[in-house]
Amino acid sequence: RVLSLELNKDRDVERIHGSGINTLDIEPVEGRYMLSGGSDGVIVLYDLENLSRKPTYTCKALCSVGRSHPDVHRFSVETVQWYPHDTGMFTSSSFDKDLKIWDTNTLQPADVFHFEGTVYSHHMSPVATKHCLIAVGTKSPKVQLCDLKSGSCSHILQGHRQEVLAVSWSPRHEYVLATASADSRVKLWDVRRASGCLTTLDQHNGEKSKASSEAANTAHNGRVNGLCYTNDGLHLLTIGTDDRMRLWNSSTGENTLVNYGKVCNESRKGLKFTISCGCNPEFAFVPYGSAIAVYTVFTGELITMLRGHYSTVNCCVFQPNFQELYSGSKDCNILAWIPALREPVPDDISEKSLPQQHLNPAYEDAWSSSDDEG
């Protein structure tokens, strides 16, 4: 189904945003509701379900935090995320230096965390049961951890030297966090450890820096502005402004050396890409100019380019229940990419030439009698 993804002519996503779309998230509980965040601060909530049951339909916006809303973000919304365990709450962060925790039903902020610098990225763990920490990457090199329970930003992870452009919790270990920075580094942390990070990923796997310390390790030769774990948490995919994408073994920190070729990446901020879930093999969907590049994660093969947007694609999100993809762009549009229906049987095989009972396997008699076998 993923190999046959195409721009769907029968499904539209209602156009609400008047400016570019930076971030999308589909809630993991039902896979039905999607959030989008725009560069004008607006947040929209959509229902992806086809309630009309007609073949052609529009995914309706249920509600939005628009420009006239008293609590709207003042500047660009960079990240939206559903609370992983139910749809009653979602989070958003913005260049206005705020992270907001929203009550979905009232569309009022239940809590606001304010930072000293621009917020590029935040993430809540999809698997945590023992903590409610939101990791936040900002203009500061310090990674901040905000506790939803206490409402305080108690915890700081120090080690990066420049702004933190992307953060992602491991889907396998609830205390493990990956962070990517403009300092060319990707760090893995166990947030229970006070002593600093577990490891700094090294693109050369220790070959070049045997003489020097871990501090010399870099993941990319440029800003690292995107991170995504595979769904089993065993591998981590990173992307940098050196036009490279790298796949790492997340437990050993080893660069697997998969070659994806040149992955053009001119984003000045965090790049929101995604990995399929429940496919074999797994695929990565990466914004690539005004297209989305589809790679096989473990071989690095570029499978196809999905073209349909008129301007830069900023984000994409995968819907695993139906193997669908949604993408958001600077062109203000959200596009739905749906697996193409299977090809019908070619016309030249006339029905008369097929034995009648074989037309529909559902009606076929599965028993064989000894006469047939002759």
Protein backbone atom coordinates (compact mmCIF):
# COMPACT_ATOMS: atom_id res chain seq x y z
CA ARG A 1 0.00 0.00 0.00
CA VAL A 2 2.82 2.42 0.78
CA LEU A 3 4.43 1.73 -2.60
CA SER A 4 1.21 2.81 -4.32
CA LEU A 5 0.67 6.08 -2.39
CA GLU A 6 -0.69 8.80 -4.62
CA LEU A 7 -2.32 12.19 -4.27
CA ASN A 8 -5.94 11.39 -3.64
CA LYS A 9 -8.40 13.10 -5.98
CA ASP A 10 -11.38 12.13 -3.84
CA ARG A 11 -10.22 13.40 -0.49
CA ASP A 12 -9.57 17.00 0.48
CA VAL A 13 -8.53 18.49 3.78
CA GLU A 14 -10.53 21.64 4.46
CA ARG A 15 -8.34 24.68 3.83
CA ILE A 16 -8.34 26.87 6.94
CA HIS A 17 -4.76 28.10 7.22
CA GLY A 18 -3.97 31.42 5.58
CA SER A 19 -0.24 30.82 5.86
CA GLY A 20 2.25 27.97 5.69
CA ILE A 21 1.71 24.75 7.66
CA ASN A 22 4.68 23.74 9.81
CA THR A 23 3.53 20.76 11.82
CA LEU A 24 0.94 17.95 11.80
CA ASP A 25 0.07 15.26 14.32
CA ILE A 26 -2.48 12.42 14.27
CA GLU A 27 -3.61 11.12 17.65
CA PRO A 28 -2.44 7.56 18.34
CA VAL A 29 -5.59 6.40 20.14
CA GLU A 30 -8.00 6.09 17.19
CA GLY A 31 -5.92 7.59 14.39
CA ARG A 32 -8.90 9.78 13.58
CA TYR A 33 -8.13 13.35 14.67
CA MET A 34 -5.34 15.49 13.23
CA LEU A 35 -3.81 18.75 14.46
CA SER A 36 -2.03 21.30 12.29
CA GLY A 37 0.01 24.35 13.29
CA GLY A 38 0.65 27.31 11.02
CA SER A 39 3.24 30.03 10.65
CA ASP A 40 0.58 32.60 11.62
CA GLY A 41 0.13 30.92 15.03
CA VAL A 42 -3.18 29.26 14.10
CA ILE A 43 -3.92 25.66 15.21
CA VAL A 44 -6.63 23.59 13.49
CA LEU A 45 -8.19 20.26 14.55
CA TYR A 46 -9.55 17.99 11.80
CA ASP A 47 -11.67 14.85 11.74
CA LEU A 48 -10.15 12.49 9.14
CA GLU A 49 -13.11 10.11 9.19
CA ASN A 50 -15.40 9.99 6.17
CA LEU A 51 -18.71 10.67 7.89
CA SER A 52 -20.60 11.24 4.63
CA ARG A 53 -19.67 7.71 3.45
CA LYS A 54 -19.44 9.17 -0.08
CA PRO A 55 -16.39 8.26 -2.17
CA THR A 56 -15.48 11.94 -2.54
CA TYR A 57 -15.29 13.91 0.69
CA THR A 58 -13.53 16.64 2.63
CA CYS A 59 -11.91 16.11 6.01
CA LYS A 60 -13.65 18.78 8.06
CA ALA A 61 -12.03 21.13 10.52
CA LEU A 62 -13.86 20.62 13.83
CA CYS A 63 -12.44 23.69 15.54
CA SER A 64 -9.46 26.02 15.52
CA VAL A 65 -7.47 28.40 17.65
CA GLY A 66 -7.65 31.28 15.18
CA ARG A 67 -6.08 34.75 15.10
CA SER A 68 -8.97 36.18 17.12
CA HIS A 69 -8.66 33.60 19.93
CA PRO A 70 -7.41 35.30 23.13
CA ASP A 71 -4.77 32.59 23.72
CA VAL A 72 -3.53 32.16 20.15
CA HIS A 73 0.25 31.90 19.70
CA ARG A 74 1.68 35.26 18.64
CA PHE A 75 4.18 33.77 16.18
CA SER A 76 4.73 30.64 14.12
CA VAL A 77 3.63 27.32 15.67
CA GLU A 78 6.53 24.90 15.15
CA THR A 79 5.23 21.74 16.85
CA VAL A 80 1.82 20.34 17.77
CA GLN A 81 1.40 17.02 19.55
CA TRP A 82 -1.55 15.14 20.98
CA TYR A 83 -1.28 13.88 24.54
CA PRO A 84 -0.32 10.26 23.78
CA HIS A 85 -2.96 8.60 25.97
CA ASP A 86 -6.20 10.39 25.10
CA THR A 87 -7.57 13.14 22.87
CA GLY A 88 -8.69 15.40 25.74
CA MET A 89 -5.42 17.28 25.66
CA PHE A 90 -2.84 18.49 23.14
CA THR A 91 0.30 20.63 23.19
CA SER A 92 1.75 23.32 20.96
CA SER A 93 4.98 25.30 20.93
CA SER A 94 5.92 28.40 19.04
CA PHE A 95 8.50 30.98 18.08
CA ASP A 96 6.71 33.20 20.63
CA LYS A 97 8.74 31.24 23.26
CA ASP A 98 5.68 29.51 24.73
CA LEU A 99 4.69 25.87 25.12
CA LYS A 100 0.94 25.57 25.71
CA ILE A 101 -1.01 22.62 27.11
CA TRP A 102 -4.54 22.76 25.69
CA ASP A 103 -7.83 21.29 26.89
CA THR A 104 -9.29 19.96 23.62
CA ASN A 105 -12.91 20.32 24.71
CA THR A 106 -12.77 23.97 25.80
CA LEU A 107 -9.87 25.05 23.55
CA GLN A 108 -8.40 26.85 26.58
CA PRO A 109 -4.79 26.52 27.74
CA ALA A 110 -4.61 24.42 30.92
CA ASP A 111 -0.96 25.45 31.37
CA VAL A 112 1.67 27.63 29.68
CA PHE A 113 5.45 27.22 29.94
CA HIS A 114 7.51 30.27 28.97
CA PHE A 115 11.11 30.06 27.74
CA GLU A 116 13.87 32.58 27.19
CA GLY A 117 14.27 31.71 23.50
CA THR A 118 12.39 30.55 20.45
CA VAL A 119 10.95 27.02 20.85
CA TYR A 120 11.88 24.81 17.88
CA SER A 121 10.57 21.46 19.01
CA HIS A 122 8.92 19.62 21.88
CA HIS A 123 7.90 16.01 22.45
CA MET A 124 6.02 13.85 24.97
CA SER A 125 6.97 10.20 25.31
CA PRO A 126 4.52 7.84 23.57
CA VAL A 127 5.30 5.06 26.08
CA ALA A 128 5.98 6.74 29.44
CA THR A 129 3.99 5.44 32.40
CA LYS A 130 6.20 6.70 35.22
CA HIS A 131 6.78 10.30 34.12
CA CYS A 132 4.94 13.15 32.39
CA LEU A 133 7.94 15.04 31.04
CA ILE A 134 7.82 17.19 27.92
CA ALA A 135 11.24 17.62 26.32
CA VAL A 136 11.74 21.06 24.78
CA GLY A 137 14.39 22.24 22.30
CA THR A 138 14.92 26.01 22.17
CA LYS A 139 17.40 28.65 21.06
CA SER A 140 19.34 27.81 24.22
CA PRO A 141 21.78 24.87 24.11
CA LYS A 142 20.16 23.54 27.30
CA VAL A 143 17.44 20.94 26.79
CA GLN A 144 14.51 21.69 29.11
CA LEU A 145 12.22 19.08 30.65
CA CYS A 146 8.81 20.32 31.73
CA ASP A 147 6.79 18.23 34.15
CA LEU A 148 3.07 18.16 33.32
CA LYS A 149 2.21 16.94 36.82
CA SER A 150 3.96 19.69 38.78
CA GLY A 151 3.76 22.38 36.10
CA SER A 152 7.43 23.24 36.56
CA CYS A 153 10.48 23.15 34.28
CA SER A 154 12.67 21.53 36.89
CA HIS A 155 15.11 19.61 34.81
CA ILE A 156 17.82 20.77 32.41
CA LEU A 157 20.12 18.63 30.24
CA GLN A 158 23.44 20.33 29.52
CA GLY A 159 25.90 19.33 26.83
CA HIS A 160 24.97 20.92 23.51
CA ARG A 161 26.78 24.08 22.41
CA GLN A 162 24.16 25.61 20.16
CA GLU A 163 20.39 25.74 19.73
CA VAL A 164 18.46 22.46 19.94
CA LEU A 165 16.41 21.98 16.77
CA ALA A 166 14.74 18.61 17.36
CA VAL A 167 13.93 16.34 20.33
CA SER A 168 12.42 12.85 20.40
CA TRP A 169 11.75 10.33 23.16
CA SER A 170 12.54 6.69 22.45
CA PRO A 171 9.42 4.61 21.77
CA ARG A 172 11.18 1.73 23.56
CA HIS A 173 12.68 3.15 26.77
CA GLU A 174 10.64 5.77 28.54
CA TYR A 175 13.61 7.61 30.07
CA VAL A 176 15.73 7.79 26.89
CA LEU A 177 15.68 11.02 24.89
CA ALA A 178 17.43 11.96 21.63
CA THR A 179 18.28 15.59 20.88
CA ALA A 180 19.66 17.23 17.71
CA SER A 181 21.43 20.55 17.61
CA ALA A 182 22.90 23.20 15.34
CA ASP A 183 26.28 22.17 16.85
CA SER A 184 26.31 19.13 14.44
CA ARG A 185 25.67 16.78 17.34
CA VAL A 186 23.02 14.25 18.29
CA LYS A 187 22.97 13.23 21.94
CA LEU A 188 21.16 10.39 23.68
CA TRP A 189 20.23 10.95 27.32
CA ASP A 190 18.84 8.90 30.18
CA VAL A 191 16.93 11.66 31.94
CA ARG A 192 17.30 9.90 35.32
CA ARG A 193 21.07 10.39 35.19
CA ALA A 194 22.39 13.64 36.56
CA SER A 195 25.82 13.11 35.05
CA GLY A 196 24.95 14.16 31.51
CA CYS A 197 24.37 12.32 28.29
CA LEU A 198 24.63 8.58 27.58
CA THR A 199 26.39 9.07 24.25
CA THR A 200 27.15 11.58 21.50
CA LEU A 201 26.64 9.94 18.12
CA ASP A 202 29.76 9.79 15.94
CA GLN A 203 29.37 9.55 12.16
CA HIS A 204 32.87 7.99 11.90
CA ASN A 205 32.17 5.30 14.55
CA GLY A 206 35.30 6.24 16.48
CA GLU A 207 37.64 5.91 13.51
CA LYS A 208 38.76 9.52 13.32
CA SER A 209 38.58 10.58 16.92
CA LYS A 210 40.42 7.82 18.74
CA ALA A 211 42.98 10.34 19.99
CA SER A 212 40.44 12.92 21.08
CA SER A 213 37.54 12.82 23.49
CA GLU A 214 33.87 12.15 22.87
CA ALA A 215 33.42 15.92 22.67
CA ALA A 216 34.76 15.82 19.10
CA ASN A 217 32.05 13.45 17.90
CA THR A 218 29.65 14.85 15.31
CA ALA A 219 26.64 13.19 13.71
CA HIS A 220 26.62 15.48 10.65
CA ASN A 221 28.83 18.11 9.03
CA GLY A 222 26.17 20.76 9.50
CA ARG A 223 23.20 21.63 11.65
CA VAL A 224 21.23 18.53 12.67
CA ASN A 225 17.60 19.56 12.30
CA GLY A 226 15.60 16.34 12.20
CA LEU A 227 15.26 13.16 14.26
CA CYS A 228 12.93 10.20 14.04
CA TYR A 229 13.01 6.81 15.78
CA THR A 230 11.84 3.66 14.03
CA ASN A 231 8.68 2.39 15.71
CA ASP A 232 10.46 -0.39 17.60
CA GLY A 233 12.95 2.17 18.94
CA LEU A 234 15.93 0.11 17.77
CA HIS A 235 17.13 2.66 15.21
CA LEU A 236 17.26 6.43 14.95
CA LEU A 237 17.19 8.38 11.68
CA THR A 238 18.79 11.84 11.64
CA ILE A 239 18.94 14.54 8.98
CA GLY A 240 21.32 17.47 8.65
CA THR A 241 22.03 20.52 6.53
CA ASP A 242 25.01 18.62 5.09
CA ASP A 243 22.33 17.06 2.81
CA ARG A 244 22.79 13.71 4.50
CA MET A 245 20.47 11.36 6.33
CA ARG A 246 21.96 8.78 8.69
CA LEU A 247 20.59 5.68 10.38
CA TRP A 248 21.95 4.78 13.82
CA ASN A 249 21.69 1.73 16.02
CA SER A 250 20.08 3.42 19.02
CA SER A 251 21.43 1.00 21.63
CA THR A 252 25.09 0.99 20.51
CA GLY A 253 25.11 4.47 18.96
CA GLU A 254 26.72 3.00 15.84
CA ASN A 255 26.33 4.65 12.43
CA THR A 256 24.88 1.84 10.26
CA LEU A 257 26.38 3.53 7.14
CA VAL A 258 23.19 3.19 5.08
CA ASN A 259 23.60 5.53 2.09
CA TYR A 260 20.50 7.55 1.15
CA GLY A 261 22.37 9.68 -1.41
CA LYS A 262 21.97 13.44 -1.33
CA VAL A 263 18.96 14.48 0.78
CA CYS A 264 18.50 18.20 0.02
CA ASN A 265 17.72 20.03 3.25
CA GLU A 266 17.71 23.79 3.28
CA SER A 267 15.48 24.20 6.32
CA ARG A 268 16.69 26.89 8.71
CA LYS A 269 14.75 25.25 11.54
CA GLY A 270 13.53 21.79 12.52
CA LEU A 271 12.54 19.45 9.69
CA LYS A 272 9.52 17.26 10.47
CA PHE A 273 9.85 13.92 8.69
CA THR A 274 8.37 10.55 9.62
CA ILE A 275 8.76 6.77 9.35
CA SER A 276 6.01 4.32 8.42
CA CYS A 277 4.61 1.99 11.04
CA GLY A 278 3.71 -1.66 10.58
CA CYS A 279 5.17 -1.99 7.07
CA ASN A 280 7.82 -4.43 6.01
CA PRO A 281 10.23 -2.95 5.05
CA GLU A 282 9.77 0.41 6.80
CA PHE A 283 9.82 3.63 4.78
CA ALA A 284 10.94 7.16 5.59
CA PHE A 285 8.92 10.11 4.26
CA VAL A 286 11.13 13.19 4.01
CA PRO A 287 10.13 16.71 2.88
CA TYR A 288 12.33 17.44 -0.14
CA GLY A 289 11.68 20.89 -1.59
CA SER A 290 8.08 20.92 -2.82
CA ALA A 291 7.99 17.09 -2.90
CA ILE A 292 8.18 14.26 -0.37
CA ALA A 293 10.93 11.70 -0.88
CA VAL A 294 10.11 8.10 0.09
CA TYR A 295 13.12 5.96 1.11
CA THR A 296 13.40 2.41 2.38
CA VAL A 297 14.88 2.90 5.83
CA PHE A 298 17.29 -0.03 5.92
CA THR A 299 18.62 -0.05 2.34
CA GLY A 300 18.60 3.69 1.61
CA GLU A 301 16.82 3.27 -1.71
CA LEU A 302 14.85 6.27 -3.00
CA ILE A 303 11.54 4.65 -3.97
CA THR A 304 9.58 7.62 -5.29
CA MET A 305 8.97 11.36 -5.03
CA LEU A 306 5.42 12.41 -4.12
CA ARG A 307 4.67 15.64 -6.02
CA GLY A 308 1.58 17.79 -5.55
CA HIS A 309 2.46 20.79 -3.39
CA TYR A 310 3.21 24.17 -4.97
CA SER A 311 5.79 25.21 -2.41
CA THR A 312 8.16 23.90 0.26
CA VAL A 313 6.86 20.91 2.23
CA ASN A 314 7.48 21.42 5.97
CA CYS A 315 6.06 18.31 7.58
CA CYS A 316 4.42 14.96 7.01
CA VAL A 317 2.65 12.47 9.25
CA PHE A 318 1.80 8.79 8.69
CA GLN A 319 -1.57 7.22 9.50
CA PRO A 320 -0.70 3.57 10.25
CA ASN A 321 -4.25 2.13 10.35
CA PHE A 322 -4.74 2.73 6.62
CA GLN A 323 -1.13 3.40 5.50
CA GLU A 324 -1.97 6.97 4.53
CA LEU A 325 0.25 10.03 4.55
CA TYR A 326 -0.65 13.68 5.18
CA SER A 327 1.71 16.52 4.32
CA GLY A 328 1.72 20.23 5.16
CA SER A 329 3.36 22.93 3.09
CA LYS A 330 4.20 26.59 2.81
CA ASP A 331 1.43 26.67 0.13
CA CYS A 332 -1.15 26.57 2.99
CA ASN A 333 -2.43 23.17 1.87
CA ILE A 334 -2.60 19.82 3.64
CA LEU A 335 -2.57 16.99 1.10
CA ALA A 336 -3.76 13.41 1.65
CA TRP A 337 -1.71 10.64 -0.01
CA ILE A 338 -3.73 7.42 -0.18
CA PRO A 339 -2.78 3.97 -1.52
CA ALA A 340 -4.07 3.57 -5.08
CA LEU A 341 -6.78 0.99 -5.58
CA ARG A 342 -5.61 -2.24 -7.20
CA GLU A 343 -5.77 -2.40 -10.98
CA PRO A 344 -8.96 -4.00 -12.30
CA VAL A 345 -8.71 -7.17 -14.38
CA PRO A 346 -7.85 -6.11 -17.98
CA ASP A 347 -10.88 -5.97 -20.29
CA ASP A 348 -9.50 -8.36 -22.88
CA ILE A 349 -10.07 -11.31 -20.57
CA SER A 350 -13.79 -11.56 -21.21
CA GLU A 351 -15.91 -12.91 -18.41
CA LYS A 352 -17.19 -15.67 -20.68
CA SER A 353 -13.76 -17.25 -20.85
CA LEU A 354 -13.62 -17.57 -17.05
CA PRO A 355 -15.48 -20.47 -15.44
CA GLN A 356 -18.45 -18.85 -13.67
CA GLN A 357 -17.73 -20.09 -10.17
CA HIS A 358 -14.23 -18.52 -10.21
CA LEU A 359 -15.47 -14.95 -10.67
CA ASN A 360 -15.66 -14.23 -6.96
CA PRO A 361 -13.52 -16.32 -4.63
CA ALA A 362 -15.93 -15.55 -1.78
CA TYR A 363 -18.55 -17.70 -3.46
CA GLU A 364 -16.20 -20.48 -4.46
CA ASP A 365 -16.73 -23.94 -3.05
CA ALA A 366 -13.55 -24.80 -1.20
CA TRP A 367 -14.34 -28.54 -1.07
CA SER A 368 -13.19 -30.78 -3.81
CA SER A 369 -15.09 -33.91 -4.72
CA SER A 370 -13.30 -36.98 -6.00
CA ASP A 371 -15.04 -36.63 -9.39
CA ASP A 372 -13.28 -33.30 -10.09
CA GLU A 373 -9.91 -34.75 -9.32
CA GLY A 374 -10.52 -37.45 -11.86
